[in-house]
């Protein structure tokens, strides 16, 4: 990142932080904080509800390549197909595309520069981030937290 891009990112980040907090988006599946905490482990809650990140290479789903479907742990929505999974060598389960209409996105400035955060469109659970360094046909890398996913074999 050159100096001009760095300063543009810092300015955009500062502007985003200075903006008043927006109301929470209404999702189809909603739960109270207590209900989420009761159904999720501490790590799952941290990642899915607080937009955290699990440690690289910690998820068994990173090396899962069996045929099947990946569902949101928060609401069981089918969000990724095993056919779109690939080894990104990053330590997180990676896909080049999601199931149509399964995810939502927003801009995340937590690391100063803007990133595309993705979440389940039905319950809002944080899944990970989308980068522009993936394989064909999309060129995208959906870099996901395994704790946000449930694998269902075919």
Protein backbone atom coordinates (compact mmCIF):
# COMPACT_ATOMS: atom_id res chain seq x y z
CA UNK A 1 0.00 0.00 0.00
CA UNK A 2 1.56 3.32 -0.99
CA UNK A 3 1.43 6.46 1.17
CA UNK A 4 -1.46 8.04 -0.77
CA UNK A 5 -3.61 4.90 -0.40
CA UNK A 6 -2.71 4.64 3.26
CA UNK A 7 -3.80 8.21 4.01
CA UNK A 8 -7.00 7.75 1.99
CA UNK A 9 -7.80 4.62 4.02
CA UNK A 10 -7.06 6.39 7.33
CA UNK A 11 -9.29 9.31 6.33
CA UNK A 12 -12.13 6.99 5.29
CA UNK A 13 -11.75 5.01 8.52
CA UNK A 14 -11.84 8.15 10.66
CA UNK A 15 -14.91 9.39 8.81
CA UNK A 16 -16.67 6.08 9.33
CA UNK A 17 -15.89 6.09 13.05
CA UNK A 18 -17.12 9.68 13.41
CA UNK A 19 -20.49 8.87 11.86
CA UNK A 20 -23.34 8.23 14.29
CA UNK A 21 -24.05 4.58 14.95
CA UNK A 22 -26.67 3.16 12.64
CA UNK A 23 -29.52 1.10 13.99
CA UNK A 24 -29.07 -2.63 13.83
CA UNK A 25 -30.26 -4.25 10.63
CA UNK A 26 -33.40 -6.31 11.07
CA UNK A 27 -32.76 -9.92 10.12
CA UNK A 28 -35.26 -12.69 9.46
CA UNK A 29 -33.86 -14.76 12.36
CA UNK A 30 -33.32 -12.80 15.56
CA UNK A 31 -32.32 -13.83 19.06
CA UNK A 32 -31.52 -12.01 22.26
CA UNK A 33 -27.90 -11.77 23.36
CA UNK A 34 -28.67 -14.33 26.09
CA UNK A 35 -30.15 -16.75 23.52
CA UNK A 36 -27.07 -16.41 21.27
CA UNK A 37 -24.75 -16.98 24.24
CA UNK A 38 -26.71 -20.06 25.29
CA UNK A 39 -26.50 -21.70 21.85
CA UNK A 40 -22.91 -20.79 20.91
CA UNK A 41 -19.52 -21.54 22.44
CA UNK A 42 -17.44 -18.56 23.59
CA UNK A 43 -15.39 -18.64 20.36
CA UNK A 44 -18.49 -19.00 18.16
CA UNK A 45 -20.10 -16.04 19.92
CA UNK A 46 -16.94 -13.95 19.61
CA UNK A 47 -16.69 -14.60 15.85
CA UNK A 48 -20.35 -14.67 14.84
CA UNK A 49 -21.81 -11.94 17.05
CA UNK A 50 -18.78 -9.72 17.79
CA UNK A 51 -17.19 -10.01 14.32
CA UNK A 52 -14.02 -11.62 15.65
CA UNK A 53 -11.64 -13.96 13.83
CA UNK A 54 -10.59 -17.46 14.78
CA UNK A 55 -6.90 -18.37 14.73
CA UNK A 56 -5.58 -19.43 11.31
CA UNK A 57 -5.28 -23.22 10.78
CA UNK A 58 -7.51 -23.91 13.82
CA UNK A 59 -10.62 -25.05 11.94
CA UNK A 60 -10.99 -28.65 10.75
CA UNK A 61 -13.16 -27.25 7.95
CA UNK A 62 -10.07 -25.67 6.38
CA UNK A 63 -9.03 -29.10 5.06
CA UNK A 64 -12.56 -30.49 4.57
CA UNK A 65 -13.04 -31.30 0.87
CA UNK A 66 -15.83 -33.89 0.95
CA UNK A 67 -18.91 -33.25 -1.16
CA UNK A 68 -21.64 -31.45 0.74
CA UNK A 69 -23.00 -28.12 1.86
CA UNK A 70 -21.87 -25.49 4.34
CA UNK A 71 -24.60 -23.94 6.49
CA UNK A 72 -24.67 -20.98 8.84
CA UNK A 73 -24.20 -22.16 12.44
CA UNK A 74 -26.56 -19.42 13.61
CA UNK A 75 -29.65 -20.28 11.56
CA UNK A 76 -28.84 -23.32 9.36
CA UNK A 77 -29.11 -21.40 6.07
CA UNK A 78 -27.26 -23.13 3.21
CA UNK A 79 -24.60 -20.55 2.31
CA UNK A 80 -21.73 -22.31 0.46
CA UNK A 81 -21.33 -25.38 -1.77
CA UNK A 82 -18.38 -27.74 -1.48
CA UNK A 83 -17.87 -27.39 -5.26
CA UNK A 84 -16.85 -23.73 -4.70
CA UNK A 85 -14.32 -24.54 -1.93
CA UNK A 86 -10.60 -24.43 -2.58
CA UNK A 87 -7.31 -24.41 -0.68
CA UNK A 88 -6.26 -20.77 -0.39
CA UNK A 89 -3.33 -21.74 1.88
CA UNK A 90 -4.39 -19.01 4.30
CA UNK A 91 -5.49 -21.30 7.15
CA UNK A 92 -9.20 -20.52 6.82
CA UNK A 93 -11.91 -22.28 4.79
CA UNK A 94 -12.12 -20.44 1.46
CA UNK A 95 -14.68 -20.37 -1.33
CA UNK A 96 -14.82 -18.49 -4.64
CA UNK A 97 -18.58 -17.86 -4.40
CA UNK A 98 -21.56 -18.23 -2.08
CA UNK A 99 -25.01 -19.61 -2.76
CA UNK A 100 -27.05 -16.92 -4.54
CA UNK A 101 -28.70 -14.57 -2.05
CA UNK A 102 -27.23 -16.31 1.01
CA UNK A 103 -24.86 -13.63 2.28
CA UNK A 104 -24.84 -9.91 2.90
CA UNK A 105 -21.81 -7.65 2.86
CA UNK A 106 -20.66 -4.39 4.37
CA UNK A 107 -17.44 -2.39 4.45
CA UNK A 108 -15.24 -3.08 7.47
CA UNK A 109 -12.58 -0.54 8.54
CA UNK A 110 -11.25 -2.42 11.59
CA UNK A 111 -7.75 -2.75 10.09
CA UNK A 112 -7.70 0.90 8.88
CA UNK A 113 -8.01 -0.04 5.21
CA UNK A 114 -11.45 -1.03 3.91
CA UNK A 115 -12.34 -4.72 3.61
CA UNK A 116 -15.55 -6.43 2.54
CA UNK A 117 -17.09 -8.24 5.51
CA UNK A 118 -19.63 -10.97 4.78
CA UNK A 119 -22.42 -12.20 7.02
CA UNK A 120 -25.41 -14.54 6.83
CA UNK A 121 -28.25 -12.64 5.21
CA UNK A 122 -30.83 -14.41 7.39
CA UNK A 123 -29.40 -14.02 10.93
CA UNK A 124 -26.54 -11.55 10.47
CA UNK A 125 -23.85 -13.87 11.82
CA UNK A 126 -20.34 -12.78 10.85
CA UNK A 127 -18.72 -15.25 8.45
CA UNK A 128 -15.46 -13.61 7.36
CA UNK A 129 -14.22 -11.36 4.57
CA UNK A 130 -14.15 -11.32 0.77
CA UNK A 131 -10.93 -10.49 -1.08
CA UNK A 132 -10.15 -10.01 -4.77
CA UNK A 133 -7.36 -12.59 -4.97
CA UNK A 134 -9.33 -15.80 -5.55
CA UNK A 135 -9.42 -18.26 -8.44
CA UNK A 136 -11.55 -18.25 -11.57
CA UNK A 137 -14.37 -18.00 -12.36
CA UNK A 138 -15.03 -15.15 -9.86
CA UNK A 139 -11.57 -14.01 -8.76
CA UNK A 140 -12.98 -13.74 -5.22
CA UNK A 141 -11.77 -15.38 -2.00
CA UNK A 142 -14.45 -15.72 0.65
CA UNK A 143 -12.12 -16.25 3.61
CA UNK A 144 -14.34 -17.65 6.36
CA UNK A 145 -14.22 -18.58 10.01
CA UNK A 146 -14.89 -22.29 10.34
CA UNK A 147 -16.71 -21.77 13.66
CA UNK A 148 -19.43 -19.87 11.74
CA UNK A 149 -20.11 -22.89 9.53
CA UNK A 150 -21.63 -26.34 9.81
CA UNK A 151 -20.66 -28.88 7.15
CA UNK A 152 -23.40 -31.26 5.97
CA UNK A 153 -22.09 -34.15 3.84
CA UNK A 154 -23.94 -35.04 0.64
